[in-house]
PDB file of N, CA and C in Angstrom:
ATOM      1  N   MET A   1       5.617   0.662 -10.055  1.00  0.00           N
ATOM      2  CA  MET A   1       5.639  -0.101  -9.054  1.00  0.00           C
ATOM      3  C   MET A   1       6.268  -0.203  -7.739  1.00  0.00           C
ATOM      4  N   GLY A   2       5.668  -0.254  -6.835  1.00  0.00           N
ATOM      5  CA  GLY A   2       6.382   0.256  -5.618  1.00  0.00           C
ATOM      6  C   GLY A   2       7.632  -0.475  -5.609  1.00  0.00           C
ATOM      7  N   TYR A   3       8.800   0.032  -4.905  1.00  0.00           N
ATOM      8  CA  TYR A   3      10.187  -0.471  -4.742  1.00  0.00           C
ATOM      9  C   TYR A   3      10.332   0.022  -3.223  1.00  0.00           C
ATOM     10  N   PHE A   4      10.968  -0.956  -2.484  1.00  0.00           N
ATOM     11  CA  PHE A   4      11.317  -0.851  -1.317  1.00  0.00           C
ATOM     12  C   PHE A   4      12.825  -1.306  -1.063  1.00  0.00           C
ATOM     13  N   SER A   5      14.038  -0.599  -0.701  1.00  0.00           N
ATOM     14  CA  SER A   5      15.150  -0.747  -0.779  1.00  0.00           C
ATOM     15  C   SER A   5      15.379  -1.659   0.137  1.00  0.00           C
ATOM     16  N   ASN A   6      14.372  -1.829   1.398  1.00  0.00           N
ATOM     17  CA  ASN A   6      14.947  -2.767   2.345  1.00  0.00           C
ATOM     18  C   ASN A   6      13.434  -2.932   3.034  1.00  0.00           C
ATOM     19  N   GLY A   7      13.373  -3.888   3.975  1.00  0.00           N
ATOM     20  CA  GLY A   7      12.280  -4.247   4.749  1.00  0.00           C
ATOM     21  C   GLY A   7      11.937  -3.010   5.745  1.00  0.00           C
ATOM     22  N   THR A   8      12.617  -2.322   6.245  1.00  0.00           N
ATOM     23  CA  THR A   8      12.076  -1.348   7.193  1.00  0.00           C
ATOM     24  C   THR A   8      11.415  -0.156   6.013  1.00  0.00           C
ATOM     25  N   GLU A   9      12.006   0.043   4.927  1.00  0.00           N
ATOM     26  CA  GLU A   9      10.976   0.878   4.003  1.00  0.00           C
ATOM     27  C   GLU A   9       9.425   0.486   3.752  1.00  0.00           C
ATOM     28  N   GLY A  10       9.682  -0.925   3.562  1.00  0.00           N
ATOM     29  CA  GLY A  10       8.366  -1.456   3.354  1.00  0.00           C
ATOM     30  C   GLY A  10       7.426  -1.464   4.326  1.00  0.00           C
ATOM     31  N   MET A  11       8.012  -1.553   5.575  1.00  0.00           N
ATOM     32  CA  MET A  11       7.116  -1.669   6.643  1.00  0.00           C
ATOM     33  C   MET A  11       6.626  -0.400   7.058  1.00  0.00           C
ATOM     34  N   MET A  12       7.490   0.688   6.865  1.00  0.00           N
ATOM     35  CA  MET A  12       7.158   2.354   6.769  1.00  0.00           C
ATOM     36  C   MET A  12       5.950   2.524   5.666  1.00  0.00           C
ATOM     37  N   TYR A  13       5.971   1.961   4.595  1.00  0.00           N
ATOM     38  CA  TYR A  13       4.944   2.233   3.656  1.00  0.00           C
ATOM     39  C   TYR A  13       3.638   1.569   4.260  1.00  0.00           C
ATOM     40  N   GLN A  14       3.678   0.306   4.568  1.00  0.00           N
ATOM     41  CA  GLN A  14       2.492  -0.401   5.131  1.00  0.00           C
ATOM     42  C   GLN A  14       2.036   0.414   6.401  1.00  0.00           C
ATOM     43  N   GLU A  15       2.774   1.018   7.422  1.00  0.00           N
ATOM     44  CA  GLU A  15       2.152   1.625   8.392  1.00  0.00           C
ATOM     45  C   GLU A  15       1.392   2.932   7.546  1.00  0.00           C
ATOM     46  N   ASP A  16       2.171   3.704   6.810  1.00  0.00           N
ATOM     47  CA  ASP A  16       1.375   4.998   6.301  1.00  0.00           C
ATOM     48  C   ASP A  16       0.141   4.749   5.569  1.00  0.00           C
ATOM     49  N   TYR A  17       0.339   3.573   4.805  1.00  0.00           N
ATOM     50  CA  TYR A  17      -1.136   3.259   3.723  1.00  0.00           C
ATOM     51  C   TYR A  17      -1.803   2.003   4.300  1.00  0.00           C
ATOM     52  N   CYS A  18      -1.282   0.941   4.171  1.00  0.00           N
ATOM     53  CA  CYS A  18      -1.928  -0.087   4.570  1.00  0.00           C
ATOM     54  C   CYS A  18      -2.640  -0.480   5.418  1.00  0.00           C
ATOM     55  N   ASP A  19      -1.664  -0.089   6.881  1.00  0.00           N
ATOM     56  CA  ASP A  19      -2.519  -0.234   8.120  1.00  0.00           C
ATOM     57  C   ASP A  19      -3.623   0.732   8.085  1.00  0.00           C
ATOM     58  N   ARG A  20      -3.803   1.626   7.273  1.00  0.00           N
ATOM     59  CA  ARG A  20      -5.038   2.487   7.364  1.00  0.00           C
ATOM     60  C   ARG A  20      -5.900   2.500   6.323  1.00  0.00           C
ATOM     61  N   CYS A  21      -6.077   1.091   5.519  1.00  0.00           N
ATOM     62  CA  CYS A  21      -6.595   1.089   4.529  1.00  0.00           C
ATOM     63  C   CYS A  21      -7.808   0.266   4.686  1.00  0.00           C
ATOM     64  N   VAL A  22      -9.105   0.445   3.934  1.00  0.00           N
ATOM     65  CA  VAL A  22     -10.040  -0.738   4.014  1.00  0.00           C
ATOM     66  C   VAL A  22      -9.591  -2.280   3.504  1.00  0.00           C
ATOM     67  N   HIS A  23      -8.697  -1.893   2.595  1.00  0.00           N
ATOM     68  CA  HIS A  23      -8.266  -3.339   1.697  1.00  0.00           C
ATOM     69  C   HIS A  23      -7.527  -4.354   2.594  1.00  0.00           C
ATOM     70  N   ASP A  24      -6.905  -3.869   3.652  1.00  0.00           N
ATOM     71  CA  ASP A  24      -6.347  -4.548   4.103  1.00  0.00           C
ATOM     72  C   ASP A  24      -6.446  -5.293   5.718  1.00  0.00           C
ATOM     73  N   ALA A  25      -8.012  -5.723   5.603  1.00  0.00           N
ATOM     74  CA  ALA A  25      -8.327  -6.363   6.655  1.00  0.00           C
ATOM     75  C   ALA A  25      -7.510  -7.696   7.208  1.00  0.00           C
ATOM     76  N   ASP A  26      -7.064  -7.938   8.364  1.00  0.00           N
ATOM     77  CA  ASP A  26      -6.264  -8.913   8.770  1.00  0.00           C
ATOM     78  C   ASP A  26      -4.950  -9.062   7.707  1.00  0.00           C
ATOM     79  N   GLN A  27      -4.186  -7.962   7.374  1.00  0.00           N
ATOM     80  CA  GLN A  27      -3.232  -7.788   6.591  1.00  0.00           C
ATOM     81  C   GLN A  27      -3.258  -8.860   5.148  1.00  0.00           C
ATOM     82  N   SER A  28      -4.179  -8.699   4.413  1.00  0.00           N
ATOM     83  CA  SER A  28      -4.653  -9.498   3.452  1.00  0.00           C
ATOM     84  C   SER A  28      -4.859  -8.579   2.183  1.00  0.00           C
ATOM     85  N   CYS A  29      -4.076  -7.615   2.223  1.00  0.00           N
ATOM     86  CA  CYS A  29      -4.225  -6.599   0.607  1.00  0.00           C
ATOM     87  C   CYS A  29      -3.966  -7.241  -0.333  1.00  0.00           C
ATOM     88  N   PRO A  30      -4.894  -7.414  -1.434  1.00  0.00           N
ATOM     89  CA  PRO A  30      -4.393  -7.978  -2.644  1.00  0.00           C
ATOM     90  C   PRO A  30      -3.377  -7.326  -3.375  1.00  0.00           C
ATOM     91  N   ILE A  31      -3.307  -5.922  -3.036  1.00  0.00           N
ATOM     92  CA  ILE A  31      -2.222  -5.135  -3.914  1.00  0.00           C
ATOM     93  C   ILE A  31      -0.848  -5.302  -3.573  1.00  0.00           C
ATOM     94  N   TRP A  32      -0.775  -5.447  -2.087  1.00  0.00           N
ATOM     95  CA  TRP A  32       0.420  -5.673  -1.097  1.00  0.00           C
ATOM     96  C   TRP A  32       0.936  -6.929  -1.501  1.00  0.00           C
ATOM     97  N   ASN A  33      -0.014  -8.109  -1.600  1.00  0.00           N
ATOM     98  CA  ASN A  33       0.214  -9.425  -1.437  1.00  0.00           C
ATOM     99  C   ASN A  33       0.964  -9.733  -3.197  1.00  0.00           C
ATOM    100  N   ALA A  34       0.287  -8.884  -4.133  1.00  0.00           N
ATOM    101  CA  ALA A  34       0.726  -9.157  -5.413  1.00  0.00           C
ATOM    102  C   ALA A  34       2.099  -8.444  -5.698  1.00  0.00           C
ATOM    103  N   HIS A  35       2.487  -7.105  -4.962  1.00  0.00           N
ATOM    104  CA  HIS A  35       3.827  -6.965  -5.076  1.00  0.00           C
ATOM    105  C   HIS A  35       4.599  -7.849  -4.445  1.00  0.00           C
ATOM    106  N   MET A  36       4.407  -8.433  -3.485  1.00  0.00           N
ATOM    107  CA  MET A  36       5.323  -9.305  -2.390  1.00  0.00           C
ATOM    108  C   MET A  36       5.215 -10.788  -3.515  1.00  0.00           C
ATOM    109  N   LEU A  37       4.569 -11.062  -4.131  1.00  0.00           N
ATOM    110  CA  LEU A  37       4.462 -12.397  -4.889  1.00  0.00           C
ATOM    111  C   LEU A  37       5.044 -12.143  -6.333  1.00  0.00           C
ATOM    112  N   PHE A  38       5.174 -11.145  -7.154  1.00  0.00           N
ATOM    113  CA  PHE A  38       5.049 -10.997  -8.219  1.00  0.00           C
ATOM    114  C   PHE A  38       6.329  -9.948  -8.748  1.00  0.00           C
ATOM    115  N   ASN A  39       6.823  -9.374  -7.938  1.00  0.00           N
ATOM    116  CA  ASN A  39       7.575  -7.902  -7.860  1.00  0.00           C
ATOM    117  C   ASN A  39       8.971  -8.494  -8.914  1.00  0.00           C
ATOM    118  N   TYR A  40       9.314  -9.397  -8.593  1.00  0.00           N
ATOM    119  CA  TYR A  40      10.741  -9.772  -9.207  1.00  0.00           C
ATOM    120  C   TYR A  40      10.713 -10.073 -10.674  1.00  0.00           C
ATOM    121  N   GLU A  41       9.252 -10.754 -10.839  1.00  0.00           N
ATOM    122  CA  GLU A  41       9.154 -11.139 -12.369  1.00  0.00           C
ATOM    123  C   GLU A  41       8.611  -9.858 -13.341  1.00  0.00           C
ATOM    124  N   GLU A  42       7.974  -8.934 -12.381  1.00  0.00           N
ATOM    125  CA  GLU A  42       7.320  -7.744 -13.166  1.00  0.00           C
ATOM    126  C   GLU A  42       8.058  -6.602 -13.392  1.00  0.00           C
ATOM    127  N   CYS A  43       9.180  -6.669 -12.616  1.00  0.00           N
ATOM    128  CA  CYS A  43       9.819  -5.135 -12.184  1.00  0.00           C
ATOM    129  C   CYS A  43      10.321  -4.464 -13.724  1.00  0.00           C
ATOM    130  N   ASN A  44      10.639  -5.640 -14.780  1.00  0.00           N
ATOM    131  CA  ASN A  44      10.963  -4.907 -15.994  1.00  0.00           C
ATOM    132  C   ASN A  44      10.089  -4.842 -16.912  1.00  0.00           C
ATOM    133  N   LYS A  45       8.736  -5.110 -16.567  1.00  0.00           N
ATOM    134  CA  LYS A  45       7.836  -5.090 -17.689  1.00  0.00           C
ATOM    135  C   LYS A  45       7.073  -3.999 -17.513  1.00  0.00           C
ATOM    136  N   PRO A  46       7.278  -2.801 -18.499  1.00  0.00           N
ATOM    137  CA  PRO A  46       6.489  -1.653 -18.573  1.00  0.00           C
ATOM    138  C   PRO A  46       5.097  -1.489 -18.401  1.00  0.00           C
ATOM    139  N   ALA A  47       4.673  -2.544 -18.898  1.00  0.00           N
ATOM    140  CA  ALA A  47       2.904  -2.853 -19.078  1.00  0.00           C
ATOM    141  C   ALA A  47       2.474  -3.356 -17.840  1.00  0.00           C
ATOM    142  N   SER A  48       3.249  -3.759 -16.923  1.00  0.00           N
ATOM    143  CA  SER A  48       2.868  -4.431 -15.933  1.00  0.00           C
ATOM    144  C   SER A  48       1.727  -3.657 -14.817  1.00  0.00           C
ATOM    145  N   ILE A  49       0.900  -4.196 -14.543  1.00  0.00           N
ATOM    146  CA  ILE A  49      -0.384  -3.349 -13.558  1.00  0.00           C
ATOM    147  C   ILE A  49       0.394  -2.970 -12.384  1.00  0.00           C
ATOM    148  N   LEU A  50       1.251  -3.805 -12.056  1.00  0.00           N
ATOM    149  CA  LEU A  50       1.854  -3.484 -10.639  1.00  0.00           C
ATOM    150  C   LEU A  50       2.271  -1.869 -10.583  1.00  0.00           C
ATOM    151  N   HIS A  51       3.150  -1.460 -11.720  1.00  0.00           N
ATOM    152  CA  HIS A  51       3.693  -0.037 -12.027  1.00  0.00           C
ATOM    153  C   HIS A  51       2.530   0.816 -11.712  1.00  0.00           C
ATOM    154  N   MET A  52       1.294   0.388 -11.779  1.00  0.00           N
ATOM    155  CA  MET A  52      -0.088   1.475 -11.805  1.00  0.00           C
ATOM    156  C   MET A  52      -0.565   1.324 -10.341  1.00  0.00           C
ATOM    157  N   LEU A  53      -0.656   0.208  -9.583  1.00  0.00           N
ATOM    158  CA  LEU A  53      -1.173  -0.064  -8.362  1.00  0.00           C
ATOM    159  C   LEU A  53      -0.296   0.865  -7.200  1.00  0.00           C
ATOM    160  N   ILE A  54       1.099   0.775  -7.181  1.00  0.00           N
ATOM    161  CA  ILE A  54       1.893   1.510  -6.316  1.00  0.00           C
ATOM    162  C   ILE A  54       2.807   2.276  -7.137  1.00  0.00           C
ATOM    163  N   PRO A  55       2.684   3.342  -7.493  1.00  0.00           N
ATOM    164  CA  PRO A  55       3.418   4.140  -8.520  1.00  0.00           C
ATOM    165  C   PRO A  55       4.532   4.596  -8.045  1.00  0.00           C
ATOM    166  N   ARG A  56       5.636   5.018  -8.645  1.00  0.00           N
ATOM    167  CA  ARG A  56       6.761   5.262  -7.935  1.00  0.00           C
ATOM    168  C   ARG A  56       6.677   7.301  -7.948  1.00  0.00           C
ATOM    169  N   SER A  57       7.270   7.649  -7.074  1.00  0.00           N
ATOM    170  CA  SER A  57       7.250   8.989  -6.929  1.00  0.00           C
ATOM    171  C   SER A  57       8.020   9.771  -8.389  1.00  0.00           C
ATOM    172  N   ALA A  58       7.634  10.733  -8.757  1.00  0.00           N
ATOM    173  CA  ALA A  58       8.280  11.543 -10.022  1.00  0.00           C
ATOM    174  C   ALA A  58       9.863  11.484  -9.879  1.00  0.00           C
ATOM    175  N   ASP A  59      10.373  11.811  -8.740  1.00  0.00           N
ATOM    176  CA  ASP A  59      12.049  11.712  -8.786  1.00  0.00           C
ATOM    177  C   ASP A  59      12.199  10.487  -8.385  1.00  0.00           C
ATOM    178  N   LYS A  60      11.488   9.281  -8.437  1.00  0.00           N
ATOM    179  CA  LYS A  60      11.992   7.886  -8.409  1.00  0.00           C
ATOM    180  C   LYS A  60      12.574   7.770  -7.242  1.00  0.00           C
ATOM    181  N   LEU A  61      12.586   8.540  -5.913  1.00  0.00           N
ATOM    182  CA  LEU A  61      13.270   8.041  -5.021  1.00  0.00           C
ATOM    183  C   LEU A  61      12.203   7.488  -3.744  1.00  0.00           C
ATOM    184  N   GLY A  62      10.938   7.206  -4.242  1.00  0.00           N
ATOM    185  CA  GLY A  62      10.060   6.714  -3.058  1.00  0.00           C
ATOM    186  C   GLY A  62       8.913   6.308  -3.899  1.00  0.00           C
ATOM    187  N   ASN A  63       7.788   5.969  -3.361  1.00  0.00           N
ATOM    188  CA  ASN A  63       6.731   5.440  -3.800  1.00  0.00           C
ATOM    189  C   ASN A  63       5.364   6.461  -3.296  1.00  0.00           C
ATOM    190  N   GLU A  64       4.553   6.468  -4.537  1.00  0.00           N
ATOM    191  CA  GLU A  64       3.330   7.254  -4.364  1.00  0.00           C
ATOM    192  C   GLU A  64       2.135   6.463  -3.425  1.00  0.00           C
ATOM    193  N   GLN A  65       1.193   7.061  -2.838  1.00  0.00           N
ATOM    194  CA  GLN A  65      -0.038   6.238  -2.210  1.00  0.00           C
ATOM    195  C   GLN A  65      -0.757   5.344  -3.384  1.00  0.00           C
ATOM    196  N   CYS A  66      -0.926   4.160  -2.839  1.00  0.00           N
ATOM    197  CA  CYS A  66      -1.537   3.120  -3.773  1.00  0.00           C
ATOM    198  C   CYS A  66      -2.650   3.548  -4.109  1.00  0.00           C
ATOM    199  N   ARG A  67      -3.053   3.369  -5.442  1.00  0.00           N
ATOM    200  CA  ARG A  67      -4.122   3.734  -6.083  1.00  0.00           C
ATOM    201  C   ARG A  67      -5.516   3.165  -5.339  1.00  0.00           C
ATOM    202  N   MET A  68      -5.430   2.103  -4.897  1.00  0.00           N
ATOM    203  CA  MET A  68      -6.898   1.420  -3.949  1.00  0.00           C
ATOM    204  C   MET A  68      -6.688   1.915  -2.769  1.00  0.00           C
ATOM    205  N   PHE A  69      -5.904   2.769  -2.373  1.00  0.00           N
ATOM    206  CA  PHE A  69      -6.019   3.026  -0.858  1.00  0.00           C
ATOM    207  C   PHE A  69      -7.337   3.905  -0.447  1.00  0.00           C
ATOM    208  N   ILE A  70      -7.868   3.097   0.512  1.00  0.00           N
ATOM    209  CA  ILE A  70      -9.227   3.819   0.815  1.00  0.00           C
ATOM    210  C   ILE A  70      -9.189   3.939   2.337  1.00  0.00           C
ATOM    211  N   ALA A  71      -9.056   5.300   3.014  1.00  0.00           N
ATOM    212  CA  ALA A  71      -8.838   5.314   4.205  1.00  0.00           C
ATOM    213  C   ALA A  71      -9.919   4.683   5.401  1.00  0.00           C
ATOM    214  N   LYS A  72      -9.763   3.848   6.018  1.00  0.00           N
ATOM    215  CA  LYS A  72     -10.858   3.211   7.061  1.00  0.00           C
ATOM    216  C   LYS A  72     -11.787   4.396   8.035  1.00  0.00           C
ATOM    217  N   ALA A  73     -12.417   4.253   8.078  1.00  0.00           N
ATOM    218  CA  ALA A  73     -13.481   5.239   9.069  1.00  0.00           C
ATOM    219  C   ALA A  73     -13.406   4.980  10.300  1.00  0.00           C
ATOM    220  N   ALA A  74     -13.164   6.257  11.604  1.00  0.00           N
ATOM    221  CA  ALA A  74     -13.043   5.629  12.817  1.00  0.00           C
ATOM    222  C   ALA A  74     -14.280   4.817  13.224  1.00  0.00           C
ATOM    223  N   ASP A  75     -13.800   3.836  14.023  1.00  0.00           N
ATOM    224  CA  ASP A  75     -14.564   2.982  15.141  1.00  0.00           C
ATOM    225  C   ASP A  75     -15.299   3.561  16.065  1.00  0.00           C
ATOM    226  N   GLY A  76     -16.490   3.533  16.234  1.00  0.00           N
ATOM    227  CA  GLY A  76     -17.047   4.105  17.381  1.00  0.00           C
ATOM    228  C   GLY A  76     -17.118   5.485  17.740  1.00  0.00           C
ATOM    229  N   ASP A  77     -17.551   5.877  18.828  1.00  0.00           N
ATOM    230  CA  ASP A  77     -17.660   7.020  19.482  1.00  0.00           C
ATOM    231  C   ASP A  77     -16.164   7.146  20.399  1.00  0.00           C
ATOM    232  N   LEU A  78     -15.384   8.441  20.079  1.00  0.00           N
ATOM    233  CA  LEU A  78     -14.024   8.311  20.416  1.00  0.00           C
ATOM    234  C   LEU A  78     -14.379   8.859  21.892  1.00  0.00           C
ATOM    235  N   PHE A  79     -15.383   9.750  22.360  1.00  0.00           N
ATOM    236  CA  PHE A  79     -15.854  10.166  23.530  1.00  0.00           C
ATOM    237  C   PHE A  79     -16.227   9.325  24.654  1.00  0.00           C
ATOM    238  N   GLY A  80     -17.274   8.210  24.179  1.00  0.00           N
ATOM    239  CA  GLY A  80     -17.856   7.286  24.760  1.00  0.00           C
ATOM    240  C   GLY A  80     -19.240   7.660  25.125  1.00  0.00           C
ATOM    241  N   VAL A  81     -19.765   8.872  24.538  1.00  0.00           N
ATOM    242  CA  VAL A  81     -21.170   9.103  24.741  1.00  0.00           C
ATOM    243  C   VAL A  81     -21.956   8.772  23.415  1.00  0.00           C
ATOM    244  N   GLU A  82     -23.092   8.379  23.769  1.00  0.00           N
ATOM    245  CA  GLU A  82     -23.968   7.859  22.471  1.00  0.00           C
ATOM    246  C   GLU A  82     -24.466   8.752  22.312  1.00  0.00           C
ATOM    247  N   PRO A  83     -24.880   9.193  20.732  1.00  0.00           N
ATOM    248  CA  PRO A  83     -25.796  10.029  20.443  1.00  0.00           C
ATOM    249  C   PRO A  83     -27.380  10.077  20.721  1.00  0.00           C
TER     250      PRO A  83
END
């Protein structure tokens, strides 16, 4: 389960992954929302799906990439030239 020691750490994770993911349209990612709603109840349950969705790093000092992460594709032509 993703663990964030403070709000800044959570915001940094969102910037690294959530803001770049197709599942976070309008900040409505079901994975992030599930962590915000259920992490207190689920944190000590080894079989909780939240542990699989945002896994802890091997050294337990951070979080790995969300298992549902799919990077958004770039929108439009970056140089303003139509093909």
